[in-house]
């Protein structure tokens, strides 16, 4: 969509797979009560958390978290290029420097 020479996957891209995930999921009774969509979102959230902790264990994101806690946010369009996303991410203090 962005006509960029390299593909840059985003964690948010995974949510577009929810319909295929829920269509193939075999749900237990408890799962049926909360719904397949919620289970799929919870699985994505848990998986992203596991990967995050594996890469960023012991890194202090306190200043970045405080920035978000003050009501700031980052809104990226699904169609935004990687360069546009980087410009937005650079507005959060220490986010890029800490993550690299």
PDB file of N, CA and C in Angstrom:
ATOM      1  N   UNK A   1       0.809  -1.209   0.000  1.00  0.00           N
ATOM      2  CA  UNK A   1       0.000   0.000   0.000  1.00  0.00           C
ATOM      3  C   UNK A   1       0.850   1.271   0.000  1.00  0.00           C
ATOM      4  N   UNK A   2       1.971   1.226   0.717  1.00  0.00           N
ATOM      5  CA  UNK A   2       2.806   2.430   0.822  1.00  0.00           C
ATOM      6  C   UNK A   2       3.852   2.502  -0.273  1.00  0.00           C
ATOM      7  N   UNK A   3       3.946   1.453  -1.071  1.00  0.00           N
ATOM      8  CA  UNK A   3       4.913   1.369  -2.165  1.00  0.00           C
ATOM      9  C   UNK A   3       6.356   1.535  -1.689  1.00  0.00           C
ATOM     10  N   UNK A   4       6.633   1.095  -0.469  1.00  0.00           N
ATOM     11  CA  UNK A   4       7.985   1.133   0.063  1.00  0.00           C
ATOM     12  C   UNK A   4       8.759  -0.087  -0.430  1.00  0.00           C
ATOM     13  N   UNK A   5      10.066   0.043  -0.613  1.00  0.00           N
ATOM     14  CA  UNK A   5      10.843  -1.099  -1.118  1.00  0.00           C
ATOM     15  C   UNK A   5      10.985  -2.235  -0.101  1.00  0.00           C
ATOM     16  N   UNK A   6      10.887  -1.938   1.204  1.00  0.00           N
ATOM     17  CA  UNK A   6      10.989  -2.963   2.238  1.00  0.00           C
ATOM     18  C   UNK A   6       9.681  -3.041   3.018  1.00  0.00           C
ATOM     19  N   UNK A   7       9.322  -4.247   3.403  1.00  0.00           N
ATOM     20  CA  UNK A   7       8.134  -4.460   4.219  1.00  0.00           C
ATOM     21  C   UNK A   7       8.507  -4.238   5.678  1.00  0.00           C
ATOM     22  N   UNK A   8       7.711  -3.458   6.384  1.00  0.00           N
ATOM     23  CA  UNK A   8       7.942  -3.203   7.805  1.00  0.00           C
ATOM     24  C   UNK A   8       6.681  -3.641   8.552  1.00  0.00           C
ATOM     25  N   UNK A   9       6.686  -4.869   9.083  1.00  0.00           N
ATOM     26  CA  UNK A   9       5.501  -5.336   9.801  1.00  0.00           C
ATOM     27  C   UNK A   9       5.333  -4.599  11.123  1.00  0.00           C
ATOM     28  N   UNK A  10       4.095  -4.449  11.520  1.00  0.00           N
ATOM     29  CA  UNK A  10       3.765  -3.777  12.788  1.00  0.00           C
ATOM     30  C   UNK A  10       2.914  -4.710  13.622  1.00  0.00           C
ATOM     31  N   UNK A  11       3.016  -4.592  14.910  1.00  0.00           N
ATOM     32  CA  UNK A  11       2.211  -5.441  15.788  1.00  0.00           C
ATOM     33  C   UNK A  11       0.725  -5.241  15.507  1.00  0.00           C
ATOM     34  N   UNK A  12       0.338  -4.030  15.153  1.00  0.00           N
ATOM     35  CA  UNK A  12      -1.071  -3.758  14.855  1.00  0.00           C
ATOM     36  C   UNK A  12      -1.559  -4.524  13.629  1.00  0.00           C
ATOM     37  N   UNK A  13      -0.652  -4.907  12.735  1.00  0.00           N
ATOM     38  CA  UNK A  13      -1.034  -5.666  11.544  1.00  0.00           C
ATOM     39  C   UNK A  13      -1.616  -7.027  11.903  1.00  0.00           C
ATOM     40  N   UNK A  14      -1.199  -7.579  13.015  1.00  0.00           N
ATOM     41  CA  UNK A  14      -1.657  -8.910  13.416  1.00  0.00           C
ATOM     42  C   UNK A  14      -3.161  -8.914  13.673  1.00  0.00           C
ATOM     43  N   UNK A  15      -3.694  -7.794  14.148  1.00  0.00           N
ATOM     44  CA  UNK A  15      -5.125  -7.737  14.451  1.00  0.00           C
ATOM     45  C   UNK A  15      -5.993  -7.936  13.211  1.00  0.00           C
ATOM     46  N   UNK A  16      -5.451  -7.691  12.038  1.00  0.00           N
ATOM     47  CA  UNK A  16      -6.235  -7.921  10.821  1.00  0.00           C
ATOM     48  C   UNK A  16      -6.444  -9.410  10.571  1.00  0.00           C
ATOM     49  N   UNK A  17      -5.698 -10.257  11.269  1.00  0.00           N
ATOM     50  CA  UNK A  17      -5.845 -11.708  11.125  1.00  0.00           C
ATOM     51  C   UNK A  17      -6.899 -12.289  12.047  1.00  0.00           C
ATOM     52  N   UNK A  18      -7.520 -11.476  12.877  1.00  0.00           N
ATOM     53  CA  UNK A  18      -8.499 -11.990  13.838  1.00  0.00           C
ATOM     54  C   UNK A  18      -9.622 -12.785  13.169  1.00  0.00           C
ATOM     55  N   UNK A  19     -10.210 -12.313  12.075  1.00  0.00           N
ATOM     56  CA  UNK A  19     -11.276 -13.125  11.464  1.00  0.00           C
ATOM     57  C   UNK A  19     -10.822 -14.538  11.081  1.00  0.00           C
ATOM     58  N   UNK A  20      -9.612 -14.666  10.564  1.00  0.00           N
ATOM     59  CA  UNK A  20      -9.147 -16.008  10.209  1.00  0.00           C
ATOM     60  C   UNK A  20      -8.802 -16.818  11.458  1.00  0.00           C
ATOM     61  N   UNK A  21      -8.330 -16.136  12.508  1.00  0.00           N
ATOM     62  CA  UNK A  21      -8.013 -16.838  13.753  1.00  0.00           C
ATOM     63  C   UNK A  21      -9.282 -17.387  14.391  1.00  0.00           C
ATOM     64  N   UNK A  22     -10.290 -16.544  14.485  1.00  0.00           N
ATOM     65  CA  UNK A  22     -11.522 -16.960  15.164  1.00  0.00           C
ATOM     66  C   UNK A  22     -12.280 -17.985  14.341  1.00  0.00           C
ATOM     67  N   UNK A  23     -12.131 -17.947  13.036  1.00  0.00           N
ATOM     68  CA  UNK A  23     -12.799 -18.928  12.190  1.00  0.00           C
ATOM     69  C   UNK A  23     -12.207 -20.316  12.335  1.00  0.00           C
ATOM     70  N   UNK A  24     -10.965 -20.400  12.775  1.00  0.00           N
ATOM     71  CA  UNK A  24     -10.295 -21.685  12.892  1.00  0.00           C
ATOM     72  C   UNK A  24     -10.120 -22.151  14.344  1.00  0.00           C
ATOM     73  N   UNK A  25     -10.433 -21.293  15.285  1.00  0.00           N
ATOM     74  CA  UNK A  25     -10.232 -21.631  16.690  1.00  0.00           C
ATOM     75  C   UNK A  25     -11.267 -22.644  17.163  1.00  0.00           C
ATOM     76  N   UNK A  26     -10.778 -23.607  17.922  1.00  0.00           N
ATOM     77  CA  UNK A  26     -11.702 -24.528  18.549  1.00  0.00           C
ATOM     78  C   UNK A  26     -11.857 -24.048  19.988  1.00  0.00           C
ATOM     79  N   UNK A  27     -13.059 -23.596  20.331  1.00  0.00           N
ATOM     80  CA  UNK A  27     -13.272 -22.962  21.630  1.00  0.00           C
ATOM     81  C   UNK A  27     -13.803 -23.938  22.664  1.00  0.00           C
ATOM     82  N   UNK A  28     -13.337 -23.778  23.875  1.00  0.00           N
ATOM     83  CA  UNK A  28     -13.877 -24.534  24.994  1.00  0.00           C
ATOM     84  C   UNK A  28     -15.090 -23.783  25.533  1.00  0.00           C
ATOM     85  N   UNK A  29     -15.798 -24.397  26.460  1.00  0.00           N
ATOM     86  CA  UNK A  29     -17.025 -23.787  26.982  1.00  0.00           C
ATOM     87  C   UNK A  29     -16.771 -22.394  27.536  1.00  0.00           C
ATOM     88  N   UNK A  30     -15.712 -22.208  28.331  1.00  0.00           N
ATOM     89  CA  UNK A  30     -15.414 -20.898  28.903  1.00  0.00           C
ATOM     90  C   UNK A  30     -15.143 -19.881  27.794  1.00  0.00           C
ATOM     91  N   UNK A  31     -14.446 -20.304  26.777  1.00  0.00           N
ATOM     92  CA  UNK A  31     -14.144 -19.423  25.670  1.00  0.00           C
ATOM     93  C   UNK A  31     -15.387 -18.957  24.942  1.00  0.00           C
ATOM     94  N   UNK A  32     -16.353 -19.841  24.816  1.00  0.00           N
ATOM     95  CA  UNK A  32     -17.595 -19.476  24.141  1.00  0.00           C
ATOM     96  C   UNK A  32     -18.328 -18.381  24.900  1.00  0.00           C
ATOM     97  N   UNK A  33     -18.170 -18.349  26.200  1.00  0.00           N
ATOM     98  CA  UNK A  33     -18.854 -17.335  27.007  1.00  0.00           C
ATOM     99  C   UNK A  33     -18.262 -15.951  26.793  1.00  0.00           C
ATOM    100  N   UNK A  34     -16.963 -15.849  26.577  1.00  0.00           N
ATOM    101  CA  UNK A  34     -16.363 -14.527  26.410  1.00  0.00           C
ATOM    102  C   UNK A  34     -16.206 -14.138  24.949  1.00  0.00           C
ATOM    103  N   UNK A  35     -16.324 -15.074  24.058  1.00  0.00           N
ATOM    104  CA  UNK A  35     -16.294 -14.756  22.634  1.00  0.00           C
ATOM    105  C   UNK A  35     -14.944 -14.954  21.983  1.00  0.00           C
ATOM    106  N   UNK A  36     -14.985 -15.396  20.747  1.00  0.00           N
ATOM    107  CA  UNK A  36     -13.767 -15.703  19.995  1.00  0.00           C
ATOM    108  C   UNK A  36     -12.927 -14.460  19.733  1.00  0.00           C
ATOM    109  N   UNK A  37     -13.563 -13.325  19.457  1.00  0.00           N
ATOM    110  CA  UNK A  37     -12.803 -12.084  19.210  1.00  0.00           C
ATOM    111  C   UNK A  37     -11.964 -11.703  20.420  1.00  0.00           C
ATOM    112  N   UNK A  38     -12.568 -11.779  21.582  1.00  0.00           N
ATOM    113  CA  UNK A  38     -11.845 -11.407  22.805  1.00  0.00           C
ATOM    114  C   UNK A  38     -10.695 -12.374  23.076  1.00  0.00           C
ATOM    115  N   UNK A  39     -10.906 -13.656  22.825  1.00  0.00           N
ATOM    116  CA  UNK A  39      -9.846 -14.641  23.020  1.00  0.00           C
ATOM    117  C   UNK A  39      -8.692 -14.351  22.061  1.00  0.00           C
ATOM    118  N   UNK A  40      -9.014 -14.072  20.791  1.00  0.00           N
ATOM    119  CA  UNK A  40      -7.973 -13.781  19.797  1.00  0.00           C
ATOM    120  C   UNK A  40      -7.177 -12.544  20.194  1.00  0.00           C
ATOM    121  N   UNK A  41      -7.854 -11.485  20.630  1.00  0.00           N
ATOM    122  CA  UNK A  41      -7.158 -10.264  21.048  1.00  0.00           C
ATOM    123  C   UNK A  41      -6.278 -10.525  22.271  1.00  0.00           C
ATOM    124  N   UNK A  42      -6.772 -11.352  23.192  1.00  0.00           N
ATOM    125  CA  UNK A  42      -5.987 -11.675  24.379  1.00  0.00           C
ATOM    126  C   UNK A  42      -4.744 -12.482  24.006  1.00  0.00           C
ATOM    127  N   UNK A  43      -4.880 -13.410  23.067  1.00  0.00           N
ATOM    128  CA  UNK A  43      -3.718 -14.184  22.614  1.00  0.00           C
ATOM    129  C   UNK A  43      -2.668 -13.286  21.979  1.00  0.00           C
ATOM    130  N   UNK A  44      -3.108 -12.338  21.158  1.00  0.00           N
ATOM    131  CA  UNK A  44      -2.178 -11.399  20.524  1.00  0.00           C
ATOM    132  C   UNK A  44      -1.486 -10.546  21.582  1.00  0.00           C
ATOM    133  N   UNK A  45      -2.259 -10.051  22.540  1.00  0.00           N
ATOM    134  CA  UNK A  45      -1.700  -9.216  23.607  1.00  0.00           C
ATOM    135  C   UNK A  45      -0.648  -9.980  24.415  1.00  0.00           C
ATOM    136  N   UNK A  46      -0.964 -11.226  24.764  1.00  0.00           N
ATOM    137  CA  UNK A  46      -0.013 -12.028  25.535  1.00  0.00           C
ATOM    138  C   UNK A  46       1.247 -12.329  24.735  1.00  0.00           C
ATOM    139  N   UNK A  47       1.074 -12.675  23.467  1.00  0.00           N
ATOM    140  CA  UNK A  47       2.233 -12.987  22.619  1.00  0.00           C
ATOM    141  C   UNK A  47       3.122 -11.757  22.449  1.00  0.00           C
ATOM    142  N   UNK A  48       2.510 -10.598  22.218  1.00  0.00           N
ATOM    143  CA  UNK A  48       3.286  -9.358  22.064  1.00  0.00           C
ATOM    144  C   UNK A  48       4.043  -9.051  23.358  1.00  0.00           C
ATOM    145  N   UNK A  49       3.405  -9.266  24.495  1.00  0.00           N
ATOM    146  CA  UNK A  49       4.057  -9.040  25.787  1.00  0.00           C
ATOM    147  C   UNK A  49       5.253  -9.947  25.995  1.00  0.00           C
ATOM    148  N   UNK A  50       5.119 -11.214  25.608  1.00  0.00           N
ATOM    149  CA  UNK A  50       6.230 -12.161  25.735  1.00  0.00           C
ATOM    150  C   UNK A  50       7.413 -11.744  24.865  1.00  0.00           C
ATOM    151  N   UNK A  51       7.132 -11.360  23.637  1.00  0.00           N
ATOM    152  CA  UNK A  51       8.199 -10.931  22.729  1.00  0.00           C
ATOM    153  C   UNK A  51       8.855  -9.655  23.255  1.00  0.00           C
ATOM    154  N   UNK A  52       8.033  -8.704  23.718  1.00  0.00           N
ATOM    155  CA  UNK A  52       8.559  -7.439  24.257  1.00  0.00           C
ATOM    156  C   UNK A  52       9.516  -7.715  25.411  1.00  0.00           C
ATOM    157  N   UNK A  53       9.082  -8.545  26.345  1.00  0.00           N
ATOM    158  CA  UNK A  53       9.921  -8.837  27.508  1.00  0.00           C
ATOM    159  C   UNK A  53      11.224  -9.530  27.113  1.00  0.00           C
ATOM    160  N   UNK A  54      11.178 -10.337  26.065  1.00  0.00           N
ATOM    161  CA  UNK A  54      12.384 -11.013  25.602  1.00  0.00           C
ATOM    162  C   UNK A  54      13.415 -10.062  25.033  1.00  0.00           C
ATOM    163  N   UNK A  55      12.946  -9.018  24.378  1.00  0.00           N
ATOM    164  CA  UNK A  55      13.870  -8.049  23.768  1.00  0.00           C
ATOM    165  C   UNK A  55      14.260  -6.919  24.715  1.00  0.00           C
ATOM    166  N   UNK A  56      13.363  -6.516  25.585  1.00  0.00           N
ATOM    167  CA  UNK A  56      13.575  -5.300  26.365  1.00  0.00           C
ATOM    168  C   UNK A  56      13.621  -5.537  27.875  1.00  0.00           C
ATOM    169  N   UNK A  57      13.988  -6.721  28.300  1.00  0.00           N
ATOM    170  CA  UNK A  57      14.058  -7.013  29.729  1.00  0.00           C
ATOM    171  C   UNK A  57      15.106  -6.108  30.384  1.00  0.00           C
ATOM    172  N   UNK A  58      14.730  -5.511  31.497  1.00  0.00           N
ATOM    173  CA  UNK A  58      15.652  -4.683  32.260  1.00  0.00           C
ATOM    174  C   UNK A  58      15.862  -3.278  31.727  1.00  0.00           C
ATOM    175  N   UNK A  59      15.172  -2.899  30.663  1.00  0.00           N
ATOM    176  CA  UNK A  59      15.326  -1.560  30.094  1.00  0.00           C
ATOM    177  C   UNK A  59      14.303  -0.637  30.744  1.00  0.00           C
ATOM    178  N   UNK A  60      14.741   0.553  31.113  1.00  0.00           N
ATOM    179  CA  UNK A  60      13.885   1.521  31.807  1.00  0.00           C
ATOM    180  C   UNK A  60      13.135   2.397  30.808  1.00  0.00           C
ATOM    181  N   UNK A  61      11.844   2.161  30.682  1.00  0.00           N
ATOM    182  CA  UNK A  61      10.979   2.964  29.819  1.00  0.00           C
ATOM    183  C   UNK A  61      10.177   3.987  30.634  1.00  0.00           C
ATOM    184  N   UNK A  62      10.636   4.329  31.840  1.00  0.00           N
ATOM    185  CA  UNK A  62       9.869   5.176  32.755  1.00  0.00           C
ATOM    186  C   UNK A  62       9.486   6.522  32.140  1.00  0.00           C
ATOM    187  N   UNK A  63      10.414   7.186  31.460  1.00  0.00           N
ATOM    188  CA  UNK A  63      10.096   8.499  30.875  1.00  0.00           C
ATOM    189  C   UNK A  63       9.065   8.371  29.755  1.00  0.00           C
ATOM    190  N   UNK A  64       9.181   7.330  28.975  1.00  0.00           N
ATOM    191  CA  UNK A  64       8.223   7.116  27.887  1.00  0.00           C
ATOM    192  C   UNK A  64       6.850   6.791  28.458  1.00  0.00           C
ATOM    193  N   UNK A  65       6.800   5.922  29.453  1.00  0.00           N
ATOM    194  CA  UNK A  65       5.523   5.559  30.082  1.00  0.00           C
ATOM    195  C   UNK A  65       4.892   6.790  30.728  1.00  0.00           C
ATOM    196  N   UNK A  66       5.697   7.614  31.391  1.00  0.00           N
ATOM    197  CA  UNK A  66       5.180   8.841  32.018  1.00  0.00           C
ATOM    198  C   UNK A  66       4.574   9.762  30.963  1.00  0.00           C
ATOM    199  N   UNK A  67       5.183   9.832  29.796  1.00  0.00           N
ATOM    200  CA  UNK A  67       4.668  10.665  28.699  1.00  0.00           C
ATOM    201  C   UNK A  67       3.282  10.200  28.298  1.00  0.00           C
ATOM    202  N   UNK A  68       3.100   8.883  28.177  1.00  0.00           N
ATOM    203  CA  UNK A  68       1.774   8.347  27.841  1.00  0.00           C
ATOM    204  C   UNK A  68       0.799   8.541  28.993  1.00  0.00           C
ATOM    205  N   UNK A  69       1.263   8.373  30.226  1.00  0.00           N
ATOM    206  CA  UNK A  69       0.406   8.561  31.396  1.00  0.00           C
ATOM    207  C   UNK A  69      -0.118   9.996  31.511  1.00  0.00           C
ATOM    208  N   UNK A  70       0.601  10.945  30.929  1.00  0.00           N
ATOM    209  CA  UNK A  70       0.177  12.349  30.953  1.00  0.00           C
ATOM    210  C   UNK A  70      -0.908  12.633  29.905  1.00  0.00           C
ATOM    211  N   UNK A  71      -1.363  11.593  29.220  1.00  0.00           N
ATOM    212  CA  UNK A  71      -2.436  11.758  28.246  1.00  0.00           C
ATOM    213  C   UNK A  71      -1.976  11.858  26.804  1.00  0.00           C
ATOM    214  N   UNK A  72      -0.687  11.786  26.583  1.00  0.00           N
ATOM    215  CA  UNK A  72      -0.185  11.825  25.209  1.00  0.00           C
ATOM    216  C   UNK A  72      -0.458  10.487  24.533  1.00  0.00           C
ATOM    217  N   UNK A  73      -0.543  10.499  23.215  1.00  0.00           N
ATOM    218  CA  UNK A  73      -0.740   9.261  22.477  1.00  0.00           C
ATOM    219  C   UNK A  73      -0.124   9.368  21.091  1.00  0.00           C
ATOM    220  N   UNK A  74      -0.023   8.245  20.445  1.00  0.00           N
ATOM    221  CA  UNK A  74       0.490   8.170  19.081  1.00  0.00           C
ATOM    222  C   UNK A  74      -0.587   7.492  18.237  1.00  0.00           C
ATOM    223  N   UNK A  75      -1.044   8.170  17.217  1.00  0.00           N
ATOM    224  CA  UNK A  75      -2.056   7.587  16.334  1.00  0.00           C
ATOM    225  C   UNK A  75      -1.469   7.446  14.941  1.00  0.00           C
ATOM    226  N   UNK A  76      -1.299   6.203  14.546  1.00  0.00           N
ATOM    227  CA  UNK A  76      -0.717   5.921  13.241  1.00  0.00           C
ATOM    228  C   UNK A  76      -1.766   5.284  12.351  1.00  0.00           C
ATOM    229  N   UNK A  77      -1.878   5.802  11.165  1.00  0.00           N
ATOM    230  CA  UNK A  77      -2.812   5.233  10.202  1.00  0.00           C
ATOM    231  C   UNK A  77      -2.280   3.892   9.712  1.00  0.00           C
ATOM    232  N   UNK A  78      -3.185   2.989   9.385  1.00  0.00           N
ATOM    233  CA  UNK A  78      -2.782   1.698   8.832  1.00  0.00           C
ATOM    234  C   UNK A  78      -1.998   1.862   7.545  1.00  0.00           C
ATOM    235  N   UNK A  79      -2.235   2.949   6.863  1.00  0.00           N
ATOM    236  CA  UNK A  79      -1.595   3.186   5.571  1.00  0.00           C
ATOM    237  C   UNK A  79      -0.350   4.068   5.673  1.00  0.00           C
ATOM    238  N   UNK A  80       0.064   4.422   6.894  1.00  0.00           N
ATOM    239  CA  UNK A  80       1.235   5.278   7.076  1.00  0.00           C
ATOM    240  C   UNK A  80       2.503   4.534   6.670  1.00  0.00           C
ATOM    241  N   UNK A  81       3.410   5.253   6.049  1.00  0.00           N
ATOM    242  CA  UNK A  81       4.694   4.653   5.667  1.00  0.00           C
ATOM    243  C   UNK A  81       5.559   4.481   6.910  1.00  0.00           C
ATOM    244  N   UNK A  82       6.619   3.705   6.771  1.00  0.00           N
ATOM    245  CA  UNK A  82       7.551   3.509   7.878  1.00  0.00           C
ATOM    246  C   UNK A  82       8.167   4.839   8.306  1.00  0.00           C
ATOM    247  N   UNK A  83       8.480   5.701   7.340  1.00  0.00           N
ATOM    248  CA  UNK A  83       9.049   7.016   7.670  1.00  0.00           C
ATOM    249  C   UNK A  83       8.063   7.860   8.467  1.00  0.00           C
ATOM    250  N   UNK A  84       6.800   7.838   8.085  1.00  0.00           N
ATOM    251  CA  UNK A  84       5.787   8.587   8.836  1.00  0.00           C
ATOM    252  C   UNK A  84       5.661   8.048  10.253  1.00  0.00           C
ATOM    253  N   UNK A  85       5.694   6.732  10.403  1.00  0.00           N
ATOM    254  CA  UNK A  85       5.606   6.121  11.730  1.00  0.00           C
ATOM    255  C   UNK A  85       6.799   6.516  12.590  1.00  0.00           C
ATOM    256  N   UNK A  86       7.988   6.524  12.002  1.00  0.00           N
ATOM    257  CA  UNK A  86       9.176   6.914  12.759  1.00  0.00           C
ATOM    258  C   UNK A  86       9.083   8.358  13.241  1.00  0.00           C
ATOM    259  N   UNK A  87       8.557   9.248  12.416  1.00  0.00           N
ATOM    260  CA  UNK A  87       8.383  10.639  12.845  1.00  0.00           C
ATOM    261  C   UNK A  87       7.463  10.724  14.048  1.00  0.00           C
ATOM    262  N   UNK A  88       6.382   9.967  14.022  1.00  0.00           N
ATOM    263  CA  UNK A  88       5.461   9.963  15.158  1.00  0.00           C
ATOM    264  C   UNK A  88       6.117   9.357  16.392  1.00  0.00           C
ATOM    265  N   UNK A  89       6.801   8.242  16.228  1.00  0.00           N
ATOM    266  CA  UNK A  89       7.436   7.572  17.365  1.00  0.00           C
ATOM    267  C   UNK A  89       8.509   8.430  18.016  1.00  0.00           C
ATOM    268  N   UNK A  90       9.169   9.268  17.218  1.00  0.00           N
ATOM    269  CA  UNK A  90      10.204  10.150  17.766  1.00  0.00           C
ATOM    270  C   UNK A  90       9.624  11.229  18.679  1.00  0.00           C
ATOM    271  N   UNK A  91       8.324  11.459  18.626  1.00  0.00           N
ATOM    272  CA  UNK A  91       7.720  12.469  19.497  1.00  0.00           C
ATOM    273  C   UNK A  91       7.580  11.976  20.942  1.00  0.00           C
ATOM    274  N   UNK A  92       7.646  10.669  21.163  1.00  0.00           N
ATOM    275  CA  UNK A  92       7.598  10.123  22.517  1.00  0.00           C
ATOM    276  C   UNK A  92       9.018  10.141  23.080  1.00  0.00           C
ATOM    277  N   UNK A  93       9.241  10.795  24.212  1.00  0.00           N
ATOM    278  CA  UNK A  93      10.598  10.942  24.747  1.00  0.00           C
ATOM    279  C   UNK A  93      11.272   9.592  25.020  1.00  0.00           C
ATOM    280  N   UNK A  94      12.484   9.464  24.540  1.00  0.00           N
ATOM    281  CA  UNK A  94      13.349   8.297  24.780  1.00  0.00           C
ATOM    282  C   UNK A  94      12.847   6.982  24.190  1.00  0.00           C
ATOM    283  N   UNK A  95      11.726   6.985  23.491  1.00  0.00           N
ATOM    284  CA  UNK A  95      11.187   5.735  22.980  1.00  0.00           C
ATOM    285  C   UNK A  95      12.144   5.087  21.977  1.00  0.00           C
ATOM    286  N   UNK A  96      12.553   5.814  20.971  1.00  0.00           N
ATOM    287  CA  UNK A  96      13.435   5.243  19.949  1.00  0.00           C
ATOM    288  C   UNK A  96      14.798   4.922  20.530  1.00  0.00           C
ATOM    289  N   UNK A  97      15.387   5.859  21.275  1.00  0.00           N
ATOM    290  CA  UNK A  97      16.722   5.643  21.838  1.00  0.00           C
ATOM    291  C   UNK A  97      16.740   4.442  22.779  1.00  0.00           C
ATOM    292  N   UNK A  98      15.717   4.286  23.587  1.00  0.00           N
ATOM    293  CA  UNK A  98      15.661   3.180  24.536  1.00  0.00           C
ATOM    294  C   UNK A  98      15.424   1.856  23.836  1.00  0.00           C
ATOM    295  N   UNK A  99      14.605   1.867  22.800  1.00  0.00           N
ATOM    296  CA  UNK A  99      14.267   0.624  22.090  1.00  0.00           C
ATOM    297  C   UNK A  99      15.409   0.132  21.223  1.00  0.00           C
ATOM    298  N   UNK A 100      16.275   1.029  20.779  1.00  0.00           N
ATOM    299  CA  UNK A 100      17.383   0.594  19.936  1.00  0.00           C
ATOM    300  C   UNK A 100      18.437   0.015  20.809  1.00  0.00           C
TER     301      UNK A 100
END
